[in-house]
Protein backbone atom coordinates (compact mmCIF):
# COMPACT_ATOMS: atom_id res chain seq x y z
CA MET A 1 -18.90 6.95 -21.11
CA ALA A 2 -16.67 8.22 -18.32
CA GLU A 3 -16.37 6.08 -15.24
CA THR A 4 -18.47 7.41 -12.39
CA LYS A 5 -16.32 8.44 -9.45
CA THR A 6 -17.79 8.56 -6.00
CA ASN A 7 -16.57 10.96 -3.32
CA VAL A 8 -14.75 7.98 -1.75
CA MET A 9 -12.82 7.39 -5.00
CA ARG A 10 -11.96 11.09 -5.29
CA MET A 11 -10.63 11.08 -1.70
CA LEU A 12 -8.52 7.96 -2.40
CA ASP A 13 -7.18 9.62 -5.58
CA LYS A 14 -6.35 12.81 -3.68
CA ALA A 15 -4.51 10.82 -0.99
CA GLY A 16 -2.56 8.94 -3.69
CA ILE A 17 -3.99 5.59 -2.57
CA ALA A 18 -4.26 2.86 -5.19
CA TYR A 19 -7.64 1.11 -5.33
CA HIS A 20 -9.77 -1.02 -7.59
CA SER A 21 -13.42 -0.04 -7.96
CA TYR A 22 -16.33 -2.38 -8.55
CA THR A 23 -19.94 -1.77 -9.42
CA TYR A 24 -22.78 -4.16 -8.88
CA ASP A 25 -26.44 -4.26 -9.84
CA HIS A 26 -28.71 -3.45 -6.91
CA GLU A 27 -32.05 -3.39 -8.73
CA ASP A 28 -33.02 -6.57 -6.84
CA GLY A 29 -32.72 -4.69 -3.52
CA LYS A 30 -30.08 -7.12 -2.22
CA ILE A 31 -27.53 -4.69 -0.80
CA ASP A 32 -26.44 -6.57 2.32
CA GLY A 33 -22.74 -7.36 2.45
CA ILE A 34 -23.05 -11.09 1.81
CA SER A 35 -25.18 -10.49 -1.30
CA VAL A 36 -22.72 -7.84 -2.53
CA ALA A 37 -19.74 -10.19 -2.00
CA ALA A 38 -21.58 -12.89 -3.98
CA LYS A 39 -22.44 -10.45 -6.79
CA LEU A 40 -18.78 -9.44 -7.04
CA GLY A 41 -17.57 -13.04 -6.78
CA GLN A 42 -15.47 -12.03 -3.76
CA ASN A 43 -14.57 -13.88 -0.58
CA PRO A 44 -16.91 -12.53 2.15
CA ASP A 45 -13.92 -12.54 4.55
CA GLN A 46 -12.40 -9.77 2.40
CA VAL A 47 -15.55 -7.65 2.09
CA TYR A 48 -16.18 -5.38 5.08
CA LYS A 49 -19.27 -3.49 6.18
CA THR A 50 -19.27 -0.09 7.89
CA LEU A 51 -21.36 0.20 11.05
CA VAL A 52 -22.12 3.49 12.77
CA THR A 53 -22.70 3.52 16.51
CA LYS A 54 -23.00 5.93 19.41
CA SER A 55 -21.67 5.66 22.93
CA GLY A 56 -23.77 6.33 26.02
CA SER A 57 -22.39 9.89 25.97
CA GLY A 58 -23.53 10.36 22.36
CA GLN A 59 -20.08 10.16 20.70
CA PRO A 60 -20.32 8.50 17.27
CA TYR A 61 -17.94 5.63 16.47
CA VAL A 62 -17.42 3.73 13.24
CA PHE A 63 -16.69 -0.01 13.20
CA VAL A 64 -15.67 -1.86 10.04
CA ILE A 65 -16.06 -5.65 10.15
CA PRO A 66 -16.34 -8.61 7.75
CA VAL A 67 -19.79 -8.75 6.14
CA ALA A 68 -20.61 -12.19 7.53
CA ALA A 69 -19.62 -11.21 11.09
CA GLU A 70 -21.66 -9.61 13.84
CA LEU A 71 -20.40 -6.66 15.88
CA ASP A 72 -19.87 -7.52 19.55
CA LEU A 73 -21.04 -4.32 21.26
CA LYS A 74 -19.08 -5.08 24.46
CA LYS A 75 -15.83 -5.60 22.52
CA ALA A 76 -16.58 -2.45 20.48
CA ALA A 77 -17.11 -0.37 23.63
CA LYS A 78 -13.88 -1.71 25.13
CA ALA A 79 -11.97 -0.92 21.90
CA VAL A 80 -12.89 2.78 22.17
CA GLY A 81 -12.77 3.06 25.96
CA GLU A 82 -16.53 3.51 26.44
CA LYS A 83 -18.91 1.84 28.90
CA SER A 84 -21.46 1.07 26.21
CA ILE A 85 -22.03 1.30 22.46
CA ALA A 86 -25.31 1.01 20.54
CA MET A 87 -26.09 0.97 16.83
CA ILE A 88 -27.52 4.28 15.64
CA HIS A 89 -31.03 4.29 14.23
CA VAL A 90 -31.15 3.93 10.45
CA ASP A 91 -32.83 7.38 10.28
CA GLU A 92 -29.69 8.99 11.77
CA ILE A 93 -27.15 7.54 9.33
CA ASN A 94 -27.50 10.18 6.61
CA LYS A 95 -27.62 13.15 8.99
CA LEU A 96 -24.50 11.95 10.81
CA THR A 97 -22.39 10.56 7.96
CA GLY A 98 -23.74 11.96 4.70
CA TYR A 99 -24.28 8.37 3.53
CA ILE A 100 -27.36 6.17 3.30
CA ARG A 101 -27.80 2.65 4.66
CA GLY A 102 -26.15 0.25 2.22
CA GLY A 103 -23.78 2.93 0.90
CA CYS A 104 -21.91 3.84 4.06
CA SER A 105 -18.12 3.92 3.68
CA PRO A 106 -15.46 4.48 6.34
CA VAL A 107 -13.97 7.04 3.90
CA GLY A 108 -15.48 10.49 3.41
CA MET A 109 -18.07 10.83 6.15
CA LYS A 110 -19.13 14.38 7.06
CA LYS A 111 -16.67 14.20 9.97
CA LEU A 112 -13.77 11.86 10.67
CA PHE A 113 -15.21 9.81 13.54
CA PRO A 114 -13.07 7.43 15.60
CA THR A 115 -12.87 4.35 13.37
CA VAL A 116 -11.95 0.80 14.37
CA PHE A 117 -11.50 -2.11 11.95
CA ASP A 118 -11.77 -5.73 12.98
CA GLN A 119 -8.18 -6.93 13.53
CA ARG A 120 -8.56 -9.64 10.85
CA VAL A 121 -8.19 -6.84 8.26
CA LEU A 122 -4.43 -7.05 8.92
CA ASP A 123 -4.41 -10.68 7.70
CA ILE A 124 -5.66 -9.92 4.18
CA PRO A 125 -3.78 -8.22 1.29
CA THR A 126 -6.72 -6.00 0.33
CA VAL A 127 -10.07 -5.11 1.86
CA ILE A 128 -13.26 -4.22 -0.02
CA VAL A 129 -15.51 -1.53 1.46
CA SER A 130 -18.40 0.55 0.20
CA GLY A 131 -17.53 3.13 -2.43
CA GLY A 132 -19.93 5.53 -0.72
CA LYS A 133 -22.98 4.83 -2.88
CA ILE A 134 -25.14 1.76 -3.26
CA GLY A 135 -23.75 -0.19 -6.23
CA PHE A 136 -20.11 0.85 -5.69
CA GLN A 137 -17.29 -0.90 -3.81
CA VAL A 138 -13.56 -0.13 -3.56
CA GLU A 139 -10.71 -2.54 -2.89
CA VAL A 140 -7.78 -1.03 -1.01
CA ALA A 141 -4.68 -2.12 0.94
CA PRO A 142 -5.75 -2.23 4.62
CA ASP A 143 -2.77 -0.23 5.89
CA ALA A 144 -3.47 2.62 3.44
CA LEU A 145 -7.15 2.67 4.42
CA LEU A 146 -6.35 2.62 8.14
CA LYS A 147 -3.92 5.51 7.70
CA LEU A 148 -6.43 7.55 5.66
CA VAL A 149 -9.23 7.29 8.25
CA ARG A 150 -6.78 7.33 11.19
CA GLY A 151 -8.23 3.98 12.13
CA LYS A 152 -7.07 1.36 14.56
CA THR A 153 -7.77 -2.34 14.86
CA ALA A 154 -9.27 -4.50 17.61
CA ASP A 155 -11.11 -7.77 18.14
CA LEU A 156 -14.69 -6.63 17.41
CA THR A 157 -16.83 -9.58 16.41
CA VAL A 158 -19.05 -12.12 18.11
CA GLU A 159 -17.26 -15.47 18.29
């Protein structure tokens, strides 16, 4: 059986970026980042979740933070030069990104939105993010991922 490639994996291949893909069973419905890290036997500090937000003016922004962390909306707004940032409603995720909740990756959204990773991503050799579908994760060098999504880093999480 051929390995299933997600759009994220195809984009990484096309960009010549080395990655390791993982699959996990999601039949139990546990698709939150901490559960996924546990299923993969990975350190939750290395597994990042992708959060989609909108500014007061309606501009979408993507924030990528460790799965066990919480996004500090004030720090997020400051990182992108906005007055305020709010999480988008779960109903809007697919329309905006092409992904569904639990399968949202910073790679391969319908448009390349401004993307900011928590600065701790620079302290780890590889980062694991969604492979673009529930049940798929990819492990990539942070600098390659940042370059691909034209991302930057900032302090983004609640202390």
